[in-house]
PDB file of N, CA and C in Angstrom:
ATOM      1  N   MET A   1       0.731  47.138  11.157  1.00  0.00           N
ATOM      2  CA  MET A   1       1.134  47.167   9.771  1.00  0.00           C
ATOM      3  C   MET A   1       0.737  45.844   9.109  1.00  0.00           C
ATOM      4  N   GLN A   2       0.121  45.921   7.961  1.00  0.00           N
ATOM      5  CA  GLN A   2      -0.359  44.733   7.260  1.00  0.00           C
ATOM      6  C   GLN A   2       0.738  44.140   6.392  1.00  0.00           C
ATOM      7  N   LYS A   3       0.906  42.823   6.502  1.00  0.00           N
ATOM      8  CA  LYS A   3       1.880  42.101   5.678  1.00  0.00           C
ATOM      9  C   LYS A   3       1.249  41.785   4.331  1.00  0.00           C
ATOM     10  N   THR A   4       2.009  41.987   3.261  1.00  0.00           N
ATOM     11  CA  THR A   4       1.501  41.606   1.957  1.00  0.00           C
ATOM     12  C   THR A   4       2.053  40.238   1.589  1.00  0.00           C
ATOM     13  N   LYS A   5       1.221  39.437   0.963  1.00  0.00           N
ATOM     14  CA  LYS A   5       1.613  38.089   0.571  1.00  0.00           C
ATOM     15  C   LYS A   5       2.484  38.160  -0.684  1.00  0.00           C
ATOM     16  N   GLN A   6       3.610  37.418  -0.663  1.00  0.00           N
ATOM     17  CA  GLN A   6       4.499  37.388  -1.823  1.00  0.00           C
ATOM     18  C   GLN A   6       3.858  36.613  -2.963  1.00  0.00           C
ATOM     19  N   THR A   7       4.080  37.080  -4.174  1.00  0.00           N
ATOM     20  CA  THR A   7       3.624  36.333  -5.336  1.00  0.00           C
ATOM     21  C   THR A   7       4.586  35.166  -5.570  1.00  0.00           C
ATOM     22  N   ASN A   8       4.171  34.220  -6.373  1.00  0.00           N
ATOM     23  CA  ASN A   8       5.036  33.080  -6.694  1.00  0.00           C
ATOM     24  C   ASN A   8       6.334  33.544  -7.350  1.00  0.00           C
ATOM     25  N   LEU A   9       6.252  34.538  -8.213  1.00  0.00           N
ATOM     26  CA  LEU A   9       7.446  35.047  -8.869  1.00  0.00           C
ATOM     27  C   LEU A   9       8.393  35.687  -7.852  1.00  0.00           C
ATOM     28  N   GLU A  10       7.862  36.414  -6.900  1.00  0.00           N
ATOM     29  CA  GLU A  10       8.689  37.023  -5.861  1.00  0.00           C
ATOM     30  C   GLU A  10       9.353  35.963  -4.987  1.00  0.00           C
ATOM     31  N   ARG A  11       8.629  34.897  -4.673  1.00  0.00           N
ATOM     32  CA  ARG A  11       9.206  33.813  -3.876  1.00  0.00           C
ATOM     33  C   ARG A  11      10.303  33.094  -4.651  1.00  0.00           C
ATOM     34  N   TYR A  12      10.060  32.843  -5.940  1.00  0.00           N
ATOM     35  CA  TYR A  12      11.068  32.207  -6.801  1.00  0.00           C
ATOM     36  C   TYR A  12      12.320  33.085  -6.843  1.00  0.00           C
ATOM     37  N   HIS A  13      12.122  34.372  -7.047  1.00  0.00           N
ATOM     38  CA  HIS A  13      13.244  35.312  -7.123  1.00  0.00           C
ATOM     39  C   HIS A  13      14.019  35.348  -5.807  1.00  0.00           C
ATOM     40  N   ALA A  14      13.322  35.328  -4.680  1.00  0.00           N
ATOM     41  CA  ALA A  14      13.987  35.321  -3.374  1.00  0.00           C
ATOM     42  C   ALA A  14      14.827  34.056  -3.211  1.00  0.00           C
ATOM     43  N   ASN A  15      14.313  32.917  -3.678  1.00  0.00           N
ATOM     44  CA  ASN A  15      15.078  31.662  -3.616  1.00  0.00           C
ATOM     45  C   ASN A  15      16.317  31.732  -4.503  1.00  0.00           C
ATOM     46  N   ALA A  16      16.186  32.325  -5.691  1.00  0.00           N
ATOM     47  CA  ALA A  16      17.324  32.466  -6.606  1.00  0.00           C
ATOM     48  C   ALA A  16      18.391  33.377  -5.996  1.00  0.00           C
ATOM     49  N   LEU A  17      17.975  34.464  -5.375  1.00  0.00           N
ATOM     50  CA  LEU A  17      18.932  35.368  -4.733  1.00  0.00           C
ATOM     51  C   LEU A  17      19.637  34.685  -3.566  1.00  0.00           C
ATOM     52  N   TRP A  18      18.886  33.923  -2.773  1.00  0.00           N
ATOM     53  CA  TRP A  18      19.476  33.193  -1.647  1.00  0.00           C
ATOM     54  C   TRP A  18      20.518  32.205  -2.164  1.00  0.00           C
ATOM     55  N   PHE A  19      20.180  31.501  -3.247  1.00  0.00           N
ATOM     56  CA  PHE A  19      21.119  30.571  -3.864  1.00  0.00           C
ATOM     57  C   PHE A  19      22.408  31.302  -4.251  1.00  0.00           C
ATOM     58  N   GLY A  20      22.287  32.440  -4.909  1.00  0.00           N
ATOM     59  CA  GLY A  20      23.457  33.201  -5.321  1.00  0.00           C
ATOM     60  C   GLY A  20      24.316  33.631  -4.144  1.00  0.00           C
ATOM     61  N   ASP A  21      23.675  34.024  -3.065  1.00  0.00           N
ATOM     62  CA  ASP A  21      24.406  34.449  -1.864  1.00  0.00           C
ATOM     63  C   ASP A  21      25.145  33.293  -1.194  1.00  0.00           C
ATOM     64  N   HIS A  22      24.674  32.057  -1.394  1.00  0.00           N
ATOM     65  CA  HIS A  22      25.246  30.886  -0.726  1.00  0.00           C
ATOM     66  C   HIS A  22      25.915  29.915  -1.699  1.00  0.00           C
ATOM     67  N   TYR A  23      26.186  30.387  -2.925  1.00  0.00           N
ATOM     68  CA  TYR A  23      26.682  29.520  -3.995  1.00  0.00           C
ATOM     69  C   TYR A  23      27.925  28.726  -3.599  1.00  0.00           C
ATOM     70  N   GLU A  24      28.952  29.368  -3.091  1.00  0.00           N
ATOM     71  CA  GLU A  24      30.210  28.674  -2.777  1.00  0.00           C
ATOM     72  C   GLU A  24      30.012  27.625  -1.678  1.00  0.00           C
ATOM     73  N   GLU A  25      29.240  27.968  -0.683  1.00  0.00           N
ATOM     74  CA  GLU A  25      28.943  27.022   0.408  1.00  0.00           C
ATOM     75  C   GLU A  25      28.177  25.810  -0.126  1.00  0.00           C
ATOM     76  N   LEU A  26      27.182  26.062  -0.963  1.00  0.00           N
ATOM     77  CA  LEU A  26      26.379  24.975  -1.527  1.00  0.00           C
ATOM     78  C   LEU A  26      27.202  24.108  -2.475  1.00  0.00           C
ATOM     79  N   LYS A  27      28.084  24.744  -3.233  1.00  0.00           N
ATOM     80  CA  LYS A  27      28.941  24.014  -4.169  1.00  0.00           C
ATOM     81  C   LYS A  27      29.834  23.024  -3.421  1.00  0.00           C
ATOM     82  N   ALA A  28      30.295  23.407  -2.238  1.00  0.00           N
ATOM     83  CA  ALA A  28      31.131  22.513  -1.425  1.00  0.00           C
ATOM     84  C   ALA A  28      30.302  21.387  -0.809  1.00  0.00           C
ATOM     85  N   LEU A  29      29.057  21.674  -0.450  1.00  0.00           N
ATOM     86  CA  LEU A  29      28.200  20.671   0.197  1.00  0.00           C
ATOM     87  C   LEU A  29      27.558  19.697  -0.793  1.00  0.00           C
ATOM     88  N   TYR A  30      27.286  20.169  -2.012  1.00  0.00           N
ATOM     89  CA  TYR A  30      26.561  19.359  -3.002  1.00  0.00           C
ATOM     90  C   TYR A  30      27.292  19.351  -4.345  1.00  0.00           C
ATOM     91  N   PRO A  31      28.533  18.834  -4.390  1.00  0.00           N
ATOM     92  CA  PRO A  31      29.294  18.854  -5.643  1.00  0.00           C
ATOM     93  C   PRO A  31      28.651  17.991  -6.730  1.00  0.00           C
ATOM     94  N   ASP A  32      28.604  18.544  -7.925  1.00  0.00           N
ATOM     95  CA  ASP A  32      28.046  17.852  -9.099  1.00  0.00           C
ATOM     96  C   ASP A  32      26.624  17.351  -8.866  1.00  0.00           C
ATOM     97  N   GLN A  33      25.841  18.134  -8.159  1.00  0.00           N
ATOM     98  CA  GLN A  33      24.446  17.776  -7.899  1.00  0.00           C
ATOM     99  C   GLN A  33      23.532  18.948  -8.247  1.00  0.00           C
ATOM    100  N   TRP A  34      22.301  18.596  -8.540  1.00  0.00           N
ATOM    101  CA  TRP A  34      21.237  19.581  -8.677  1.00  0.00           C
ATOM    102  C   TRP A  34      20.684  19.837  -7.286  1.00  0.00           C
ATOM    103  N   VAL A  35      20.399  21.091  -6.986  1.00  0.00           N
ATOM    104  CA  VAL A  35      19.756  21.415  -5.714  1.00  0.00           C
ATOM    105  C   VAL A  35      18.434  22.114  -6.005  1.00  0.00           C
ATOM    106  N   GLY A  36      17.483  21.871  -5.141  1.00  0.00           N
ATOM    107  CA  GLY A  36      16.204  22.564  -5.184  1.00  0.00           C
ATOM    108  C   GLY A  36      16.114  23.470  -3.969  1.00  0.00           C
ATOM    109  N   ILE A  37      15.926  24.761  -4.215  1.00  0.00           N
ATOM    110  CA  ILE A  37      15.855  25.744  -3.138  1.00  0.00           C
ATOM    111  C   ILE A  37      14.408  26.186  -2.979  1.00  0.00           C
ATOM    112  N   ARG A  38      13.923  26.090  -1.747  1.00  0.00           N
ATOM    113  CA  ARG A  38      12.557  26.521  -1.427  1.00  0.00           C
ATOM    114  C   ARG A  38      12.590  27.190  -0.064  1.00  0.00           C
ATOM    115  N   ASP A  39      11.938  28.329   0.031  1.00  0.00           N
ATOM    116  CA  ASP A  39      11.893  29.095   1.282  1.00  0.00           C
ATOM    117  C   ASP A  39      13.297  29.375   1.816  1.00  0.00           C
ATOM    118  N   LYS A  40      14.202  29.684   0.896  1.00  0.00           N
ATOM    119  CA  LYS A  40      15.582  30.063   1.208  1.00  0.00           C
ATOM    120  C   LYS A  40      16.353  28.991   1.967  1.00  0.00           C
ATOM    121  N   LYS A  41      16.124  27.733   1.590  1.00  0.00           N
ATOM    122  CA  LYS A  41      16.917  26.622   2.118  1.00  0.00           C
ATOM    123  C   LYS A  41      16.880  25.478   1.113  1.00  0.00           C
ATOM    124  N   VAL A  42      17.819  24.557   1.257  1.00  0.00           N
ATOM    125  CA  VAL A  42      17.890  23.410   0.347  1.00  0.00           C
ATOM    126  C   VAL A  42      16.781  22.430   0.712  1.00  0.00           C
ATOM    127  N   ALA A  43      15.897  22.178  -0.244  1.00  0.00           N
ATOM    128  CA  ALA A  43      14.809  21.231  -0.035  1.00  0.00           C
ATOM    129  C   ALA A  43      15.234  19.825  -0.437  1.00  0.00           C
ATOM    130  N   GLY A  44      16.239  19.726  -1.324  1.00  0.00           N
ATOM    131  CA  GLY A  44      16.724  18.427  -1.756  1.00  0.00           C
ATOM    132  C   GLY A  44      17.863  18.588  -2.751  1.00  0.00           C
ATOM    133  N   ALA A  45      18.618  17.498  -2.929  1.00  0.00           N
ATOM    134  CA  ALA A  45      19.737  17.508  -3.869  1.00  0.00           C
ATOM    135  C   ALA A  45      19.898  16.107  -4.453  1.00  0.00           C
ATOM    136  N   ASN A  46      20.308  16.064  -5.733  1.00  0.00           N
ATOM    137  CA  ASN A  46      20.522  14.786  -6.399  1.00  0.00           C
ATOM    138  C   ASN A  46      21.343  15.037  -7.661  1.00  0.00           C
ATOM    139  N   GLU A  47      22.111  14.045  -8.081  1.00  0.00           N
ATOM    140  CA  GLU A  47      22.883  14.164  -9.325  1.00  0.00           C
ATOM    141  C   GLU A  47      21.969  14.168 -10.547  1.00  0.00           C
ATOM    142  N   ASN A  48      20.784  13.596 -10.402  1.00  0.00           N
ATOM    143  CA  ASN A  48      19.829  13.487 -11.498  1.00  0.00           C
ATOM    144  C   ASN A  48      18.650  14.431 -11.219  1.00  0.00           C
ATOM    145  N   PRO A  49      18.419  15.439 -12.078  1.00  0.00           N
ATOM    146  CA  PRO A  49      17.345  16.387 -11.802  1.00  0.00           C
ATOM    147  C   PRO A  49      15.949  15.756 -11.779  1.00  0.00           C
ATOM    148  N   GLU A  50      15.745  14.759 -12.636  1.00  0.00           N
ATOM    149  CA  GLU A  50      14.445  14.095 -12.665  1.00  0.00           C
ATOM    150  C   GLU A  50      14.187  13.349 -11.350  1.00  0.00           C
ATOM    151  N   LEU A  51      15.216  12.647 -10.852  1.00  0.00           N
ATOM    152  CA  LEU A  51      15.063  11.934  -9.584  1.00  0.00           C
ATOM    153  C   LEU A  51      14.867  12.911  -8.425  1.00  0.00           C
ATOM    154  N   LEU A  52      15.511  14.064  -8.506  1.00  0.00           N
ATOM    155  CA  LEU A  52      15.325  15.080  -7.470  1.00  0.00           C
ATOM    156  C   LEU A  52      13.875  15.530  -7.420  1.00  0.00           C
ATOM    157  N   MET A  53      13.294  15.796  -8.571  1.00  0.00           N
ATOM    158  CA  MET A  53      11.889  16.227  -8.604  1.00  0.00           C
ATOM    159  C   MET A  53      10.950  15.126  -8.120  1.00  0.00           C
ATOM    160  N   ILE A  54      11.230  13.892  -8.492  1.00  0.00           N
ATOM    161  CA  ILE A  54      10.409  12.773  -8.034  1.00  0.00           C
ATOM    162  C   ILE A  54      10.490  12.651  -6.517  1.00  0.00           C
ATOM    163  N   GLU A  55      11.697  12.773  -5.973  1.00  0.00           N
ATOM    164  CA  GLU A  55      11.898  12.685  -4.525  1.00  0.00           C
ATOM    165  C   GLU A  55      11.144  13.802  -3.788  1.00  0.00           C
ATOM    166  N   LEU A  56      11.241  15.015  -4.305  1.00  0.00           N
ATOM    167  CA  LEU A  56      10.563  16.143  -3.663  1.00  0.00           C
ATOM    168  C   LEU A  56       9.051  15.979  -3.719  1.00  0.00           C
ATOM    169  N   LYS A  57       8.545  15.577  -4.889  1.00  0.00           N
ATOM    170  CA  LYS A  57       7.096  15.362  -5.022  1.00  0.00           C
ATOM    171  C   LYS A  57       6.610  14.266  -4.083  1.00  0.00           C
ATOM    172  N   SER A  58       7.408  13.194  -3.921  1.00  0.00           N
ATOM    173  CA  SER A  58       6.993  12.088  -3.047  1.00  0.00           C
ATOM    174  C   SER A  58       6.925  12.525  -1.581  1.00  0.00           C
ATOM    175  N   LYS A  59       7.678  13.568  -1.237  1.00  0.00           N
ATOM    176  CA  LYS A  59       7.641  14.117   0.129  1.00  0.00           C
ATOM    177  C   LYS A  59       6.538  15.161   0.282  1.00  0.00           C
ATOM    178  N   GLY A  60       5.811  15.434  -0.815  1.00  0.00           N
ATOM    179  CA  GLY A  60       4.733  16.417  -0.769  1.00  0.00           C
ATOM    180  C   GLY A  60       5.206  17.854  -0.891  1.00  0.00           C
ATOM    181  N   VAL A  61       6.435  18.042  -1.363  1.00  0.00           N
ATOM    182  CA  VAL A  61       6.988  19.390  -1.518  1.00  0.00           C
ATOM    183  C   VAL A  61       6.504  19.975  -2.844  1.00  0.00           C
ATOM    184  N   SER A  62       5.934  21.167  -2.796  1.00  0.00           N
ATOM    185  CA  SER A  62       5.481  21.838  -4.009  1.00  0.00           C
ATOM    186  C   SER A  62       6.675  22.363  -4.788  1.00  0.00           C
ATOM    187  N   LEU A  63       6.656  22.160  -6.095  1.00  0.00           N
ATOM    188  CA  LEU A  63       7.736  22.627  -6.953  1.00  0.00           C
ATOM    189  C   LEU A  63       7.420  24.002  -7.546  1.00  0.00           C
ATOM    190  N   LYS A  64       6.293  24.560  -7.169  1.00  0.00           N
ATOM    191  CA  LYS A  64       5.792  25.784  -7.781  1.00  0.00           C
ATOM    192  C   LYS A  64       6.774  26.959  -7.727  1.00  0.00           C
ATOM    193  N   THR A  65       7.386  27.214  -6.604  1.00  0.00           N
ATOM    194  CA  THR A  65       8.320  28.341  -6.486  1.00  0.00           C
ATOM    195  C   THR A  65       9.749  27.861  -6.228  1.00  0.00           C
ATOM    196  N   MET A  66       9.984  26.584  -6.497  1.00  0.00           N
ATOM    197  CA  MET A  66      11.302  25.982  -6.278  1.00  0.00           C
ATOM    198  C   MET A  66      12.292  26.510  -7.312  1.00  0.00           C
ATOM    199  N   TYR A  67      13.502  26.837  -6.855  1.00  0.00           N
ATOM    200  CA  TYR A  67      14.581  27.250  -7.740  1.00  0.00           C
ATOM    201  C   TYR A  67      15.548  26.088  -7.844  1.00  0.00           C
ATOM    202  N   PHE A  68      15.806  25.601  -9.060  1.00  0.00           N
ATOM    203  CA  PHE A  68      16.718  24.488  -9.299  1.00  0.00           C
ATOM    204  C   PHE A  68      17.996  24.999  -9.957  1.00  0.00           C
ATOM    205  N   HIS A  69      19.122  24.424  -9.532  1.00  0.00           N
ATOM    206  CA  HIS A  69      20.398  24.817 -10.130  1.00  0.00           C
ATOM    207  C   HIS A  69      21.395  23.671  -9.956  1.00  0.00           C
ATOM    208  N   PHE A  70      22.274  23.507 -10.948  1.00  0.00           N
ATOM    209  CA  PHE A  70      23.329  22.495 -10.892  1.00  0.00           C
ATOM    210  C   PHE A  70      24.595  23.126 -10.326  1.00  0.00           C
ATOM    211  N   LEU A  71      25.312  22.376  -9.486  1.00  0.00           N
ATOM    212  CA  LEU A  71      26.531  22.865  -8.841  1.00  0.00           C
ATOM    213  C   LEU A  71      27.736  22.058  -9.341  1.00  0.00           C
ATOM    214  N   PRO A  72      28.365  22.513 -10.416  1.00  0.00           N
ATOM    215  CA  PRO A  72      29.481  21.754 -10.998  1.00  0.00           C
ATOM    216  C   PRO A  72      30.771  21.897 -10.196  1.00  0.00           C
ATOM    217  N   THR A  73      31.567  20.828 -10.183  1.00  0.00           N
ATOM    218  CA  THR A  73      32.885  20.928  -9.546  1.00  0.00           C
ATOM    219  C   THR A  73      33.888  21.545 -10.510  1.00  0.00           C
ATOM    220  N   GLU A  74      33.650  21.387 -11.804  1.00  0.00           N
ATOM    221  CA  GLU A  74      34.510  21.996 -12.825  1.00  0.00           C
ATOM    222  C   GLU A  74      33.690  23.025 -13.589  1.00  0.00           C
ATOM    223  N   GLU A  75      34.254  24.213 -13.699  1.00  0.00           N
ATOM    224  CA  GLU A  75      33.575  25.250 -14.474  1.00  0.00           C
ATOM    225  C   GLU A  75      33.720  24.933 -15.955  1.00  0.00           C
ATOM    226  N   LYS A  76      32.645  25.079 -16.687  1.00  0.00           N
ATOM    227  CA  LYS A  76      32.655  24.817 -18.118  1.00  0.00           C
ATOM    228  C   LYS A  76      32.259  26.095 -18.845  1.00  0.00           C
ATOM    229  N   VAL A  77      32.854  26.290 -19.996  1.00  0.00           N
ATOM    230  CA  VAL A  77      32.515  27.432 -20.832  1.00  0.00           C
ATOM    231  C   VAL A  77      31.697  26.904 -22.006  1.00  0.00           C
ATOM    232  N   TRP A  78      30.514  27.461 -22.189  1.00  0.00           N
ATOM    233  CA  TRP A  78      29.650  27.056 -23.288  1.00  0.00           C
ATOM    234  C   TRP A  78      29.627  28.172 -24.326  1.00  0.00           C
ATOM    235  N   VAL A  79      29.760  27.796 -25.588  1.00  0.00           N
ATOM    236  CA  VAL A  79      29.684  28.763 -26.667  1.00  0.00           C
ATOM    237  C   VAL A  79      28.593  28.304 -27.616  1.00  0.00           C
ATOM    238  N   PHE A  80      27.650  29.176 -27.887  1.00  0.00           N
ATOM    239  CA  PHE A  80      26.562  28.860 -28.800  1.00  0.00           C
ATOM    240  C   PHE A  80      26.718  29.682 -30.052  1.00  0.00           C
ATOM    241  N   THR A  81      26.674  29.021 -31.189  1.00  0.00           N
ATOM    242  CA  THR A  81      26.812  29.701 -32.470  1.00  0.00           C
ATOM    243  C   THR A  81      25.573  29.399 -33.306  1.00  0.00           C
ATOM    244  N   PRO A  82      24.890  30.448 -33.763  1.00  0.00           N
ATOM    245  CA  PRO A  82      23.715  30.206 -34.599  1.00  0.00           C
ATOM    246  C   PRO A  82      24.129  29.721 -35.992  1.00  0.00           C
ATOM    247  N   PHE A  83      23.365  28.789 -36.503  1.00  0.00           N
ATOM    248  CA  PHE A  83      23.610  28.278 -37.859  1.00  0.00           C
ATOM    249  C   PHE A  83      22.541  28.850 -38.772  1.00  0.00           C
ATOM    250  N   GLY A  84      22.901  29.037 -40.023  1.00  0.00           N
ATOM    251  CA  GLY A  84      21.883  29.395 -40.976  1.00  0.00           C
ATOM    252  C   GLY A  84      22.155  30.650 -41.646  1.00  0.00           C
TER     253      GLY A  84
END
């Protein structure tokens, strides 16, 4: 049986789903930090998203299919109201 290669979008989606499945565990391990998920595992974490990307790039990690998400310790409710 021939294996088909995943597209970048499919890999990104798989990382996002993995993140969702492990959200509570990750929230406990990386409180108030941004995490980068690649190949269904944490590639890096940092409180500053820009520093996280710099760190990952310096290690030669491709950001192409990386899923980034912030893990807050306090849930916040955001309300957006259009003006005009």
